[in-house]
C-alpha cells in the first residue's frame, strides 16, 4: 500500500487526479474503498507503476443519472485508475482498464466511469477506446467551482483493446496483480504486454 500512496502522490501534479489534493482523508481510503470489489496493481520489473479498482457507484446523484441513461441496467464503476508519469501513453493504463472491464462484464454488468471535463486527454482516450458519454453529474467530492463530471459507459458491442502487437514500437513486460480486497487475497496474472510509445 505505501507504494501506491507514493505513486498516487507523484502522478497527481501532472494528471490532476484525484481532483482534491491533498485529500481531506487518508490516501489509503481513496485507494481501497468500502465498496471495492476488485483491484489491480501493475508492475514493471518489480516496480509498482499503476493501479485500478472496480466498485459500486456510491454517489446517489451519479447513480440516478446512470440509471436513467442505461435504462436501469446493472453497472459497476472503474473507481480508481492511475499510472506512473513516466509510463503514461505506454499501455499500462489500457491494460489495467481492460482487466477492470473484463471483470465487470464477467459479472454481467455495464462498465461505467466518471471523468473530469478538464482532463481532456483522459476523455479522448476513453472515447477512442469506445466509451460513450451518457450524462453528467456533480458528485459530492467535486469542488463547487468545477464543471460537472462526464459519466461514461462502455457499450457491450465494444470489447477489445485498441491496437495490436504489430502496431507498437516498445515492449515492456507488465505484471498485473489482482487483489480481491474484501477477502484480502491476491491473485496474480502475469502477462507480457506489448506497449505502444
N, C-alpha and C. Protein backbone atom coordinates (compact mmCIF):
# COMPACT_ATOMS: atom_id res chain seq x y z
N UNK A 1 0.81 -1.20 0.00
CA UNK A 1 0.00 0.00 0.00
C UNK A 1 0.86 1.27 0.00
N UNK A 2 1.96 1.31 0.74
CA UNK A 2 2.78 2.54 0.71
C UNK A 2 3.26 2.90 -0.69
N UNK A 3 3.54 1.89 -1.53
CA UNK A 3 3.98 2.19 -2.90
C UNK A 3 2.87 2.85 -3.70
N UNK A 4 1.63 2.41 -3.51
CA UNK A 4 0.51 3.02 -4.22
C UNK A 4 0.25 4.44 -3.73
N UNK A 5 0.38 4.66 -2.43
CA UNK A 5 0.21 6.00 -1.87
C UNK A 5 1.24 6.94 -2.48
N UNK A 6 2.49 6.50 -2.54
CA UNK A 6 3.57 7.31 -3.12
C UNK A 6 3.31 7.58 -4.59
N UNK A 7 2.94 6.54 -5.34
CA UNK A 7 2.70 6.67 -6.77
C UNK A 7 1.55 7.64 -7.06
N UNK A 8 0.47 7.54 -6.30
CA UNK A 8 -0.66 8.44 -6.50
C UNK A 8 -0.22 9.89 -6.30
N UNK A 9 0.56 10.14 -5.25
CA UNK A 9 1.05 11.49 -4.98
C UNK A 9 1.99 12.00 -6.05
N UNK A 10 2.84 11.12 -6.58
CA UNK A 10 3.80 11.52 -7.61
C UNK A 10 3.12 11.89 -8.92
N UNK A 11 2.07 11.17 -9.27
CA UNK A 11 1.43 11.43 -10.56
C UNK A 11 0.38 12.54 -10.49
N UNK A 12 -0.07 12.92 -9.31
CA UNK A 12 -1.16 13.88 -9.18
C UNK A 12 -0.88 15.26 -9.81
N UNK A 13 0.31 15.85 -9.62
CA UNK A 13 0.54 17.18 -10.20
C UNK A 13 0.40 17.22 -11.73
N UNK A 14 0.77 16.16 -12.41
CA UNK A 14 0.67 16.18 -13.87
C UNK A 14 -0.69 15.71 -14.37
N UNK A 15 -1.36 14.84 -13.63
CA UNK A 15 -2.64 14.30 -14.10
C UNK A 15 -3.84 15.07 -13.55
N UNK A 16 -3.66 15.71 -12.39
CA UNK A 16 -4.79 16.36 -11.74
C UNK A 16 -5.74 15.37 -11.09
N UNK A 17 -5.27 14.14 -10.91
CA UNK A 17 -6.09 13.06 -10.33
C UNK A 17 -5.44 12.53 -9.06
N UNK A 18 -6.18 12.52 -7.99
CA UNK A 18 -7.55 12.97 -7.80
C UNK A 18 -7.65 14.50 -7.82
N UNK A 19 -8.86 14.99 -8.06
CA UNK A 19 -9.10 16.43 -8.19
C UNK A 19 -8.74 17.15 -6.90
N UNK A 20 -9.20 16.64 -5.78
CA UNK A 20 -8.87 17.26 -4.48
C UNK A 20 -7.52 16.71 -4.02
N UNK A 21 -6.57 17.61 -3.84
CA UNK A 21 -5.25 17.19 -3.37
C UNK A 21 -4.61 18.32 -2.59
N UNK A 22 -4.18 18.07 -1.37
CA UNK A 22 -4.23 16.76 -0.71
C UNK A 22 -5.67 16.37 -0.40
N UNK A 23 -5.85 15.08 -0.26
CA UNK A 23 -7.18 14.56 0.06
C UNK A 23 -7.56 14.95 1.49
N UNK A 24 -8.85 15.15 1.75
CA UNK A 24 -9.29 15.50 3.11
C UNK A 24 -9.45 14.28 4.02
N UNK A 25 -8.90 13.15 3.61
CA UNK A 25 -8.95 11.91 4.38
C UNK A 25 -7.71 11.11 4.00
N UNK A 26 -7.39 10.04 4.72
CA UNK A 26 -6.19 9.27 4.39
C UNK A 26 -6.21 8.74 2.96
N UNK A 27 -5.09 8.82 2.28
CA UNK A 27 -4.97 8.38 0.89
C UNK A 27 -5.37 6.91 0.76
N UNK A 28 -5.07 6.12 1.77
CA UNK A 28 -5.42 4.70 1.74
C UNK A 28 -6.92 4.50 1.54
N UNK A 29 -7.74 5.41 2.07
CA UNK A 29 -9.20 5.30 1.91
C UNK A 29 -9.63 5.62 0.48
N UNK A 30 -8.83 6.38 -0.25
CA UNK A 30 -9.10 6.63 -1.66
C UNK A 30 -8.75 5.39 -2.48
N UNK A 31 -7.65 4.75 -2.11
CA UNK A 31 -7.15 3.60 -2.86
C UNK A 31 -7.97 2.34 -2.60
N UNK A 32 -8.39 2.12 -1.38
CA UNK A 32 -9.18 0.94 -1.01
C UNK A 32 -10.47 1.44 -0.40
N UNK A 33 -11.56 1.25 -1.12
CA UNK A 33 -12.85 1.79 -0.71
C UNK A 33 -13.73 0.68 -0.13
N UNK A 34 -14.67 1.09 0.70
CA UNK A 34 -15.55 0.13 1.35
C UNK A 34 -16.32 -0.74 0.35
N UNK A 35 -16.66 -0.16 -0.80
CA UNK A 35 -17.47 -0.89 -1.77
C UNK A 35 -16.63 -1.54 -2.87
N UNK A 36 -15.33 -1.56 -2.69
CA UNK A 36 -14.44 -2.12 -3.72
C UNK A 36 -14.68 -3.62 -3.88
N UNK A 37 -14.74 -4.03 -5.15
CA UNK A 37 -14.94 -5.44 -5.46
C UNK A 37 -13.66 -6.12 -5.91
N UNK A 38 -12.85 -5.40 -6.65
CA UNK A 38 -11.62 -5.98 -7.19
C UNK A 38 -10.65 -4.85 -7.48
N UNK A 39 -9.36 -5.13 -7.33
CA UNK A 39 -8.33 -4.12 -7.61
C UNK A 39 -7.15 -4.79 -8.30
N UNK A 40 -6.46 -4.02 -9.12
CA UNK A 40 -5.31 -4.50 -9.87
C UNK A 40 -4.14 -3.56 -9.65
N UNK A 41 -2.95 -4.14 -9.58
CA UNK A 41 -1.72 -3.37 -9.47
C UNK A 41 -0.82 -3.80 -10.62
N UNK A 42 -0.34 -2.83 -11.39
CA UNK A 42 0.58 -3.14 -12.50
C UNK A 42 2.00 -2.93 -12.03
N UNK A 43 2.87 -3.85 -12.43
CA UNK A 43 4.29 -3.76 -12.10
C UNK A 43 5.11 -3.94 -13.36
N UNK A 44 6.19 -3.20 -13.44
CA UNK A 44 7.18 -3.37 -14.50
C UNK A 44 8.52 -3.57 -13.80
N UNK A 45 9.16 -4.68 -14.07
CA UNK A 45 10.45 -5.02 -13.44
C UNK A 45 10.39 -4.88 -11.92
N UNK A 46 9.29 -5.34 -11.32
CA UNK A 46 9.14 -5.32 -9.87
C UNK A 46 8.74 -3.97 -9.29
N UNK A 47 8.59 -2.97 -10.13
CA UNK A 47 8.22 -1.62 -9.68
C UNK A 47 6.71 -1.42 -9.89
N UNK A 48 6.02 -0.96 -8.85
CA UNK A 48 4.60 -0.66 -8.95
C UNK A 48 4.43 0.57 -9.83
N UNK A 49 3.65 0.43 -10.93
CA UNK A 49 3.53 1.52 -11.90
C UNK A 49 2.08 1.90 -12.20
N UNK A 50 1.11 1.24 -11.59
CA UNK A 50 -0.27 1.60 -11.86
C UNK A 50 -1.24 0.84 -10.98
N UNK A 51 -2.46 1.35 -10.94
CA UNK A 51 -3.48 0.76 -10.09
C UNK A 51 -4.85 1.04 -10.69
N UNK A 52 -5.74 0.08 -10.60
CA UNK A 52 -7.13 0.25 -10.99
C UNK A 52 -8.00 -0.50 -10.00
N UNK A 53 -9.23 -0.03 -9.83
CA UNK A 53 -10.17 -0.70 -8.94
C UNK A 53 -11.58 -0.57 -9.51
N UNK A 54 -12.41 -1.53 -9.15
CA UNK A 54 -13.82 -1.56 -9.54
C UNK A 54 -14.66 -1.59 -8.28
N UNK A 55 -15.73 -0.81 -8.30
CA UNK A 55 -16.63 -0.80 -7.16
C UNK A 55 -18.03 -0.39 -7.56
N UNK A 56 -18.88 -0.26 -6.58
CA UNK A 56 -20.25 0.19 -6.79
C UNK A 56 -20.26 1.70 -7.04
N UNK A 57 -21.30 2.19 -7.68
CA UNK A 57 -21.50 3.63 -7.84
C UNK A 57 -22.09 4.12 -6.52
N UNK A 58 -21.32 4.89 -5.77
CA UNK A 58 -21.72 5.29 -4.43
C UNK A 58 -22.58 6.55 -4.39
N UNK A 59 -22.27 7.52 -5.21
CA UNK A 59 -22.96 8.81 -5.17
C UNK A 59 -24.39 8.65 -5.70
N UNK A 60 -25.37 9.07 -4.90
CA UNK A 60 -26.78 8.89 -5.28
C UNK A 60 -27.14 9.64 -6.55
N UNK A 61 -26.64 10.87 -6.71
CA UNK A 61 -26.91 11.65 -7.91
C UNK A 61 -26.35 10.98 -9.15
N UNK A 62 -25.13 10.49 -9.06
CA UNK A 62 -24.50 9.79 -10.18
C UNK A 62 -25.28 8.53 -10.50
N UNK A 63 -25.67 7.81 -9.46
CA UNK A 63 -26.42 6.57 -9.65
C UNK A 63 -27.75 6.82 -10.38
N UNK A 64 -28.43 7.91 -10.02
CA UNK A 64 -29.71 8.24 -10.67
C UNK A 64 -29.52 8.58 -12.14
N UNK A 65 -28.49 9.39 -12.45
CA UNK A 65 -28.22 9.74 -13.85
C UNK A 65 -27.90 8.48 -14.65
N UNK A 66 -27.06 7.61 -14.10
CA UNK A 66 -26.70 6.38 -14.80
C UNK A 66 -27.91 5.47 -14.99
N UNK A 67 -28.75 5.38 -13.98
CA UNK A 67 -29.94 4.54 -14.09
C UNK A 67 -30.82 5.02 -15.24
N UNK A 68 -31.01 6.33 -15.34
CA UNK A 68 -31.81 6.88 -16.42
C UNK A 68 -31.16 6.69 -17.78
N UNK A 69 -29.84 6.86 -17.84
CA UNK A 69 -29.12 6.77 -19.11
C UNK A 69 -28.99 5.34 -19.62
N UNK A 70 -28.96 4.38 -18.71
CA UNK A 70 -28.74 2.99 -19.11
C UNK A 70 -30.01 2.14 -19.06
N UNK A 71 -31.12 2.76 -18.69
CA UNK A 71 -32.37 2.01 -18.62
C UNK A 71 -32.41 1.05 -17.45
N UNK A 72 -31.65 1.33 -16.42
CA UNK A 72 -31.67 0.51 -15.22
C UNK A 72 -30.80 -0.73 -15.28
N UNK A 73 -29.97 -0.84 -16.31
CA UNK A 73 -29.05 -1.97 -16.43
C UNK A 73 -28.07 -1.94 -15.25
N UNK A 74 -27.68 -3.10 -14.74
CA UNK A 74 -26.70 -3.16 -13.67
C UNK A 74 -25.37 -2.60 -14.14
N UNK A 75 -24.74 -1.79 -13.29
CA UNK A 75 -23.46 -1.18 -13.64
C UNK A 75 -22.45 -1.41 -12.52
N UNK A 76 -21.18 -1.29 -12.88
CA UNK A 76 -20.08 -1.25 -11.90
C UNK A 76 -19.11 -0.20 -12.42
N UNK A 77 -18.48 0.51 -11.49
CA UNK A 77 -17.64 1.64 -11.86
C UNK A 77 -16.15 1.33 -11.79
N UNK A 78 -15.42 1.86 -12.77
CA UNK A 78 -13.97 1.93 -12.65
C UNK A 78 -13.77 3.07 -11.65
N UNK A 79 -13.49 2.74 -10.41
CA UNK A 79 -13.47 3.75 -9.35
C UNK A 79 -12.11 4.39 -9.14
N UNK A 80 -11.05 3.71 -9.54
CA UNK A 80 -9.69 4.24 -9.43
C UNK A 80 -8.91 3.77 -10.65
N UNK A 81 -8.13 4.67 -11.24
CA UNK A 81 -7.23 4.31 -12.33
C UNK A 81 -6.15 5.37 -12.44
N UNK A 82 -4.89 4.96 -12.24
CA UNK A 82 -3.77 5.88 -12.43
C UNK A 82 -2.51 5.09 -12.75
N UNK A 83 -1.56 5.80 -13.37
CA UNK A 83 -0.32 5.18 -13.86
C UNK A 83 0.85 6.11 -13.56
N UNK A 84 2.02 5.54 -13.37
CA UNK A 84 3.24 6.33 -13.16
C UNK A 84 3.44 7.30 -14.32
N UNK A 85 3.87 8.50 -14.01
CA UNK A 85 4.04 9.56 -15.00
C UNK A 85 4.93 9.13 -16.16
N UNK A 86 6.02 8.43 -15.88
CA UNK A 86 6.95 8.05 -16.94
C UNK A 86 6.42 6.94 -17.85
N UNK A 87 5.27 6.35 -17.51
CA UNK A 87 4.69 5.30 -18.35
C UNK A 87 3.34 5.68 -18.95
N UNK A 88 2.93 6.93 -18.78
CA UNK A 88 1.68 7.39 -19.40
C UNK A 88 1.84 7.28 -20.92
N UNK A 89 0.84 6.73 -21.57
CA UNK A 89 0.88 6.58 -23.02
C UNK A 89 1.61 5.34 -23.50
N UNK A 90 2.02 4.48 -22.57
CA UNK A 90 2.77 3.28 -22.95
C UNK A 90 1.92 2.01 -22.83
N UNK A 91 0.62 2.15 -22.51
CA UNK A 91 -0.27 1.00 -22.49
C UNK A 91 -0.56 0.40 -21.13
N UNK A 92 0.10 0.88 -20.10
CA UNK A 92 -0.13 0.31 -18.76
C UNK A 92 -1.56 0.60 -18.31
N UNK A 93 -1.99 1.85 -18.45
CA UNK A 93 -3.36 2.21 -18.08
C UNK A 93 -4.38 1.44 -18.88
N UNK A 94 -4.10 1.25 -20.17
CA UNK A 94 -5.01 0.49 -21.02
C UNK A 94 -5.14 -0.95 -20.57
N UNK A 95 -4.02 -1.53 -20.17
CA UNK A 95 -4.05 -2.92 -19.68
C UNK A 95 -4.86 -3.02 -18.40
N UNK A 96 -4.65 -2.07 -17.48
CA UNK A 96 -5.43 -2.07 -16.25
C UNK A 96 -6.92 -1.88 -16.55
N UNK A 97 -7.23 -0.97 -17.45
CA UNK A 97 -8.61 -0.72 -17.83
C UNK A 97 -9.24 -1.97 -18.45
N UNK A 98 -8.50 -2.65 -19.32
CA UNK A 98 -9.00 -3.88 -19.94
C UNK A 98 -9.32 -4.94 -18.89
N UNK A 99 -8.46 -5.09 -17.89
CA UNK A 99 -8.69 -6.07 -16.82
C UNK A 99 -9.97 -5.72 -16.06
N UNK A 100 -10.13 -4.43 -15.74
CA UNK A 100 -11.31 -3.99 -14.99
C UNK A 100 -12.58 -4.20 -15.80
N UNK A 101 -12.55 -3.85 -17.08
CA UNK A 101 -13.72 -4.03 -17.95
C UNK A 101 -14.07 -5.51 -18.06
N UNK A 102 -13.08 -6.36 -18.24
CA UNK A 102 -13.33 -7.80 -18.34
C UNK A 102 -13.99 -8.33 -17.06
N UNK A 103 -13.52 -7.86 -15.92
CA UNK A 103 -14.12 -8.28 -14.65
C UNK A 103 -15.58 -7.85 -14.58
N UNK A 104 -15.85 -6.58 -14.89
CA UNK A 104 -17.22 -6.07 -14.81
C UNK A 104 -18.13 -6.84 -15.76
N UNK A 105 -17.68 -7.03 -16.98
CA UNK A 105 -18.51 -7.75 -17.96
C UNK A 105 -18.71 -9.20 -17.54
N UNK A 106 -17.71 -9.77 -16.89
CA UNK A 106 -17.82 -11.14 -16.40
C UNK A 106 -18.89 -11.30 -15.34
N UNK A 107 -19.28 -10.20 -14.71
CA UNK A 107 -20.35 -10.23 -13.71
C UNK A 107 -21.70 -9.83 -14.31
N UNK A 108 -21.71 -9.63 -15.64
CA UNK A 108 -22.96 -9.30 -16.32
C UNK A 108 -23.39 -7.85 -16.20
N UNK A 109 -22.46 -6.99 -15.84
CA UNK A 109 -22.80 -5.57 -15.68
C UNK A 109 -22.14 -4.71 -16.75
N UNK A 110 -22.57 -3.47 -16.82
CA UNK A 110 -22.06 -2.50 -17.77
C UNK A 110 -20.96 -1.68 -17.10
N UNK A 111 -19.78 -1.57 -17.73
CA UNK A 111 -18.71 -0.73 -17.16
C UNK A 111 -19.04 0.75 -17.31
N UNK A 112 -18.88 1.50 -16.22
CA UNK A 112 -19.08 2.94 -16.23
C UNK A 112 -17.92 3.61 -15.50
N UNK A 113 -17.77 4.91 -15.74
CA UNK A 113 -16.77 5.70 -15.02
C UNK A 113 -17.17 7.16 -15.09
N UNK A 114 -16.53 7.97 -14.25
CA UNK A 114 -16.71 9.41 -14.36
C UNK A 114 -15.35 10.02 -14.65
N UNK A 115 -15.37 11.13 -15.38
CA UNK A 115 -14.13 11.80 -15.73
C UNK A 115 -14.37 13.31 -15.70
N UNK A 116 -13.40 14.02 -15.14
CA UNK A 116 -13.48 15.47 -15.05
C UNK A 116 -13.26 16.05 -16.44
N UNK A 117 -14.12 16.97 -16.85
CA UNK A 117 -14.05 17.55 -18.19
C UNK A 117 -12.69 18.15 -18.52
N UNK A 118 -12.06 18.76 -17.53
CA UNK A 118 -10.78 19.42 -17.80
C UNK A 118 -9.65 18.43 -18.02
N UNK A 119 -9.90 17.16 -17.78
CA UNK A 119 -8.91 16.12 -18.06
C UNK A 119 -9.13 15.64 -19.50
N UNK A 120 -8.92 16.57 -20.44
CA UNK A 120 -9.22 16.33 -21.85
C UNK A 120 -8.55 15.11 -22.43
N UNK A 121 -7.30 14.87 -22.06
CA UNK A 121 -6.60 13.70 -22.60
C UNK A 121 -7.30 12.42 -22.17
N UNK A 122 -7.69 12.34 -20.91
CA UNK A 122 -8.39 11.15 -20.42
C UNK A 122 -9.71 10.97 -21.16
N UNK A 123 -10.46 12.04 -21.34
CA UNK A 123 -11.73 11.96 -22.05
C UNK A 123 -11.51 11.41 -23.45
N UNK A 124 -10.51 11.92 -24.14
CA UNK A 124 -10.24 11.48 -25.51
C UNK A 124 -9.77 10.02 -25.57
N UNK A 125 -8.96 9.61 -24.60
CA UNK A 125 -8.52 8.20 -24.55
C UNK A 125 -9.73 7.29 -24.38
N UNK A 126 -10.61 7.63 -23.45
CA UNK A 126 -11.80 6.80 -23.24
C UNK A 126 -12.65 6.76 -24.50
N UNK A 127 -12.87 7.90 -25.13
CA UNK A 127 -13.68 7.94 -26.36
C UNK A 127 -13.03 7.07 -27.44
N UNK A 128 -11.72 7.17 -27.57
CA UNK A 128 -11.00 6.38 -28.58
C UNK A 128 -11.19 4.88 -28.34
N UNK A 129 -11.32 4.51 -27.08
CA UNK A 129 -11.49 3.10 -26.73
C UNK A 129 -12.95 2.67 -26.76
N UNK A 130 -13.86 3.55 -27.18
CA UNK A 130 -15.25 3.18 -27.34
C UNK A 130 -16.21 3.63 -26.25
N UNK A 131 -15.70 4.27 -25.20
CA UNK A 131 -16.57 4.75 -24.13
C UNK A 131 -17.43 5.88 -24.67
N UNK A 132 -18.68 5.94 -24.20
CA UNK A 132 -19.61 6.98 -24.64
C UNK A 132 -20.09 7.79 -23.46
N UNK A 133 -20.21 9.10 -23.66
CA UNK A 133 -20.76 9.97 -22.63
C UNK A 133 -22.26 9.69 -22.55
N UNK A 134 -22.74 9.39 -21.34
CA UNK A 134 -24.16 9.08 -21.15
C UNK A 134 -24.85 10.10 -20.25
N UNK A 135 -24.08 11.05 -19.73
CA UNK A 135 -24.66 12.06 -18.86
C UNK A 135 -23.59 12.85 -18.16
N UNK A 136 -24.03 13.68 -17.24
CA UNK A 136 -23.10 14.44 -16.40
C UNK A 136 -23.71 14.55 -15.01
N UNK A 137 -22.85 14.79 -14.03
CA UNK A 137 -23.32 14.86 -12.64
C UNK A 137 -22.34 15.67 -11.81
N UNK A 138 -22.80 16.01 -10.62
CA UNK A 138 -21.96 16.73 -9.65
C UNK A 138 -21.83 15.85 -8.40
N UNK A 139 -20.87 14.90 -8.41
CA UNK A 139 -20.68 14.06 -7.23
C UNK A 139 -20.29 14.91 -6.02
N UNK A 140 -20.54 14.39 -4.84
CA UNK A 140 -20.27 15.12 -3.60
C UNK A 140 -18.81 15.54 -3.47
N UNK A 141 -17.88 14.79 -4.05
CA UNK A 141 -16.45 15.10 -3.92
C UNK A 141 -16.00 16.23 -4.83
N UNK A 142 -16.81 16.61 -5.81
CA UNK A 142 -16.41 17.61 -6.79
C UNK A 142 -16.48 19.01 -6.18
N UNK A 143 -15.37 19.78 -6.24
CA UNK A 143 -15.40 21.15 -5.72
C UNK A 143 -16.47 21.98 -6.44
N UNK A 144 -17.08 22.91 -5.72
CA UNK A 144 -18.19 23.71 -6.24
C UNK A 144 -17.82 24.53 -7.46
N UNK A 145 -16.54 24.89 -7.60
CA UNK A 145 -16.13 25.74 -8.72
C UNK A 145 -15.81 24.94 -9.99
N UNK A 146 -16.01 23.64 -9.97
CA UNK A 146 -15.71 22.79 -11.14
C UNK A 146 -16.99 22.47 -11.90
N UNK A 147 -16.83 22.27 -13.22
CA UNK A 147 -17.95 21.84 -14.05
C UNK A 147 -18.33 20.41 -13.68
N UNK A 148 -19.58 20.01 -13.96
CA UNK A 148 -19.98 18.63 -13.68
C UNK A 148 -19.05 17.64 -14.39
N UNK A 149 -18.91 16.46 -13.80
CA UNK A 149 -18.11 15.41 -14.43
C UNK A 149 -18.93 14.76 -15.54
N UNK A 150 -18.21 14.18 -16.50
CA UNK A 150 -18.86 13.40 -17.55
C UNK A 150 -19.01 11.97 -17.05
N UNK A 151 -20.15 11.38 -17.28
CA UNK A 151 -20.38 9.98 -16.96
C UNK A 151 -20.30 9.21 -18.26
N UNK A 152 -19.48 8.17 -18.27
CA UNK A 152 -19.25 7.40 -19.49
C UNK A 152 -19.56 5.94 -19.25
N UNK A 153 -20.00 5.27 -20.31
CA UNK A 153 -20.28 3.83 -20.27
C UNK A 153 -19.64 3.19 -21.48
N UNK A 154 -19.26 1.93 -21.34
CA UNK A 154 -18.67 1.18 -22.45
C UNK A 154 -19.70 0.17 -22.95
N UNK A 155 -20.30 0.44 -24.12
CA UNK A 155 -21.34 -0.46 -24.64
C UNK A 155 -20.82 -1.88 -24.82
N UNK A 156 -21.71 -2.83 -24.73
CA UNK A 156 -21.35 -4.24 -24.87
C UNK A 156 -20.72 -4.53 -26.22
N UNK A 157 -21.11 -3.78 -27.24
CA UNK A 157 -20.59 -4.01 -28.59
C UNK A 157 -19.13 -3.63 -28.74
N UNK A 158 -18.59 -2.91 -27.76
CA UNK A 158 -17.19 -2.50 -27.81
C UNK A 158 -16.43 -3.40 -26.86
N UNK A 159 -15.40 -4.09 -27.37
CA UNK A 159 -14.80 -5.06 -26.49
C UNK A 159 -13.32 -5.03 -26.34
N UNK A 160 -12.60 -5.24 -27.39
CA UNK A 160 -11.19 -5.49 -27.22
C UNK A 160 -10.38 -4.21 -27.19
N UNK A 161 -9.17 -4.31 -26.64
CA UNK A 161 -8.30 -3.15 -26.57
C UNK A 161 -8.00 -2.60 -27.96
N UNK A 162 -7.75 -1.33 -28.01
CA UNK A 162 -7.38 -0.67 -29.26
C UNK A 162 -5.94 -1.07 -29.61
N UNK A 163 -5.70 -1.31 -30.88
CA UNK A 163 -4.33 -1.61 -31.31
C UNK A 163 -4.04 -3.09 -31.30
N UNK A 164 -2.90 -3.43 -31.87
CA UNK A 164 -2.46 -4.81 -31.89
C UNK A 164 -0.96 -4.83 -31.69
N UNK A 165 -0.39 -5.98 -31.33
CA UNK A 165 1.05 -6.04 -31.12
C UNK A 165 1.86 -5.59 -32.33
N UNK A 166 1.31 -5.70 -33.55
CA UNK A 166 2.04 -5.28 -34.73
C UNK A 166 2.21 -3.77 -34.81
N UNK A 167 1.38 -3.02 -34.08
CA UNK A 167 1.38 -1.57 -34.19
C UNK A 167 2.25 -0.88 -33.15
N UNK A 168 2.89 -1.62 -32.27
CA UNK A 168 3.62 -0.99 -31.18
C UNK A 168 5.11 -0.97 -31.46
N UNK A 169 5.77 -0.02 -30.80
CA UNK A 169 7.20 0.13 -31.05
C UNK A 169 8.06 -0.23 -29.85
N UNK A 170 7.46 -0.33 -28.67
CA UNK A 170 8.22 -0.61 -27.46
C UNK A 170 7.54 -1.74 -26.71
N UNK A 171 8.32 -2.70 -26.24
CA UNK A 171 7.74 -3.77 -25.45
C UNK A 171 8.22 -3.64 -24.01
N UNK A 172 7.28 -3.62 -23.10
CA UNK A 172 7.57 -3.56 -21.68
C UNK A 172 6.78 -4.67 -21.02
N UNK A 173 7.44 -5.63 -20.37
CA UNK A 173 6.68 -6.68 -19.69
C UNK A 173 5.98 -6.10 -18.46
N UNK A 174 4.69 -6.29 -18.40
CA UNK A 174 3.89 -5.77 -17.30
C UNK A 174 3.29 -6.95 -16.56
N UNK A 175 3.44 -6.97 -15.25
CA UNK A 175 2.76 -7.97 -14.44
C UNK A 175 1.60 -7.28 -13.77
N UNK A 176 0.41 -7.82 -13.93
CA UNK A 176 -0.78 -7.25 -13.33
C UNK A 176 -1.20 -8.17 -12.20
N UNK A 177 -1.19 -7.65 -10.99
CA UNK A 177 -1.63 -8.41 -9.82
C UNK A 177 -3.07 -8.05 -9.54
N UNK A 178 -3.88 -9.04 -9.30
CA UNK A 178 -5.28 -8.81 -9.00
C UNK A 178 -5.48 -9.03 -7.51
N UNK A 179 -6.00 -8.02 -6.84
CA UNK A 179 -6.25 -8.12 -5.42
C UNK A 179 -7.75 -8.11 -5.17
N UNK A 180 -8.24 -9.11 -4.46
CA UNK A 180 -9.63 -9.12 -4.05
C UNK A 180 -9.65 -8.53 -2.65
N UNK A 181 -10.03 -7.27 -2.56
CA UNK A 181 -9.90 -6.53 -1.32
C UNK A 181 -10.76 -7.07 -0.19
N UNK A 182 -11.96 -7.51 -0.50
CA UNK A 182 -12.86 -7.97 0.55
C UNK A 182 -12.25 -9.14 1.30
N UNK A 183 -11.65 -10.06 0.59
CA UNK A 183 -11.08 -11.24 1.21
C UNK A 183 -9.60 -11.08 1.49
N UNK A 184 -9.01 -10.00 1.00
CA UNK A 184 -7.58 -9.73 1.16
C UNK A 184 -6.73 -10.87 0.59
N UNK A 185 -7.21 -11.45 -0.50
CA UNK A 185 -6.45 -12.47 -1.20
C UNK A 185 -5.86 -11.83 -2.44
N UNK A 186 -4.74 -12.32 -2.87
CA UNK A 186 -4.15 -11.82 -4.10
C UNK A 186 -4.14 -12.92 -5.14
N UNK A 187 -4.52 -12.56 -6.33
CA UNK A 187 -4.44 -13.45 -7.48
C UNK A 187 -3.51 -12.77 -8.46
N UNK A 188 -2.54 -13.47 -8.94
CA UNK A 188 -1.57 -12.85 -9.84
C UNK A 188 -1.80 -13.34 -11.27
N UNK A 189 -1.86 -12.40 -12.15
CA UNK A 189 -1.97 -12.69 -13.57
C UNK A 189 -0.74 -12.08 -14.21
N UNK A 190 0.09 -12.90 -14.78
CA UNK A 190 1.30 -12.38 -15.40
C UNK A 190 1.14 -12.41 -16.90
N UNK A 191 1.53 -11.33 -17.52
CA UNK A 191 1.41 -11.26 -18.98
C UNK A 191 2.51 -10.37 -19.52
N UNK A 192 3.03 -10.75 -20.67
CA UNK A 192 3.93 -9.86 -21.39
C UNK A 192 3.05 -9.07 -22.34
N UNK A 193 3.07 -7.78 -22.17
CA UNK A 193 2.20 -6.92 -22.94
C UNK A 193 3.05 -6.02 -23.81
N UNK A 194 2.71 -5.94 -25.07
CA UNK A 194 3.40 -5.01 -25.96
C UNK A 194 2.76 -3.65 -25.76
N UNK A 195 3.55 -2.70 -25.36
CA UNK A 195 3.04 -1.37 -25.05
C UNK A 195 3.51 -0.37 -26.08
N UNK A 196 2.58 0.45 -26.54
CA UNK A 196 2.91 1.46 -27.54
C UNK A 196 3.54 2.69 -26.94
N UNK A 197 4.40 3.35 -27.70
CA UNK A 197 5.06 4.57 -27.24
C UNK A 197 4.36 5.79 -27.70
